[in-house]
Amino acid sequence: MARQIGVGPTLFLMTTKAMSVLFLILFLINLPVLNFFYMGTRADPENTQSATQITEKFAQLSLGNIG
């Protein structure tokens, strides 16, 4: 492949592939943490509303939701 498109673009594509795999692995590792953040509103029985807007969903997954 390096002969067809050159060494620079080949290294870029290989690095992009490696970084994609790395971020996928890191995302999978962080799923329990995101679940912990999301469960922050479950402790409040009065707050049984479901998020309808994207900003509300983002607020549920943020660090400030731990309570």
Protein backbone atom coordinates (compact mmCIF):
# COMPACT_ATOMS: atom_id res chain seq x y z
CA MET A 1 0.00 0.00 0.00
CA ALA A 2 2.87 2.40 0.72
CA ARG A 3 4.09 2.10 -2.85
CA GLN A 4 0.72 3.05 -4.29
CA ILE A 5 -0.19 6.08 -2.16
CA GLY A 6 3.12 6.97 -0.51
CA VAL A 7 4.64 6.55 2.91
CA GLY A 8 3.06 9.64 4.53
CA PRO A 9 -0.59 8.82 3.76
CA THR A 10 0.01 5.18 4.67
CA LEU A 11 1.39 6.13 8.09
CA PHE A 12 -1.53 8.52 8.59
CA LEU A 13 -4.07 5.78 7.83
CA MET A 14 -2.28 3.29 10.11
CA THR A 15 -2.15 5.84 12.93
CA THR A 16 -5.82 6.71 12.46
CA LYS A 17 -6.76 3.04 12.64
CA ALA A 18 -4.70 2.52 15.79
CA MET A 19 -6.22 5.59 17.47
CA SER A 20 -9.74 4.44 16.55
CA VAL A 21 -9.14 1.08 18.18
CA LEU A 22 -7.63 2.77 21.26
CA PHE A 23 -10.62 5.11 21.71
CA LEU A 24 -13.06 2.23 21.24
CA ILE A 25 -11.29 0.27 23.99
CA LEU A 26 -11.24 3.31 26.29
CA PHE A 27 -14.95 3.90 25.65
CA LEU A 28 -15.74 0.29 26.59
CA ILE A 29 -13.68 0.63 29.76
CA ASN A 30 -15.57 3.81 30.72
CA LEU A 31 -19.09 2.39 30.23
CA PRO A 32 -19.42 1.48 33.95
CA VAL A 33 -18.44 5.04 34.89
CA LEU A 34 -21.04 6.50 32.53
CA ASN A 35 -23.63 4.16 34.02
CA PHE A 36 -22.68 5.35 37.51
CA PHE A 37 -23.15 8.97 36.45
CA TYR A 38 -26.52 8.16 34.85
CA MET A 39 -27.79 6.42 37.99
CA GLY A 40 -27.29 9.61 40.03
CA THR A 41 -30.93 10.66 39.59
CA ARG A 42 -32.30 7.24 40.49
CA ALA A 43 -31.65 7.88 44.22
CA ASP A 44 -34.27 10.66 44.22
CA PRO A 45 -37.74 9.04 44.15
CA GLU A 46 -39.41 12.38 43.35
CA ASN A 47 -37.42 12.78 40.15
CA THR A 48 -38.93 10.14 37.89
CA GLN A 49 -38.98 12.29 34.76
CA SER A 50 -37.35 10.94 31.66
CA ALA A 51 -35.03 13.15 29.66
CA THR A 52 -36.62 14.47 26.50
CA GLN A 53 -34.02 16.93 25.20
CA ILE A 54 -30.40 16.30 24.34
CA THR A 55 -29.27 18.77 27.02
CA GLU A 56 -31.12 16.82 29.69
CA LYS A 57 -29.55 13.57 28.52
CA PHE A 58 -26.11 15.18 28.59
CA ALA A 59 -26.78 16.45 32.11
CA GLN A 60 -27.66 12.93 33.24
CA LEU A 61 -24.32 11.61 31.94
CA SER A 62 -22.21 14.38 33.45
CA LEU A 63 -20.10 14.31 36.60
CA GLY A 64 -22.42 16.78 38.33
CA ASN A 65 -25.24 14.24 38.32
CA ILE A 66 -23.65 12.15 41.08
CA GLY A 67 -25.47 14.26 43.65
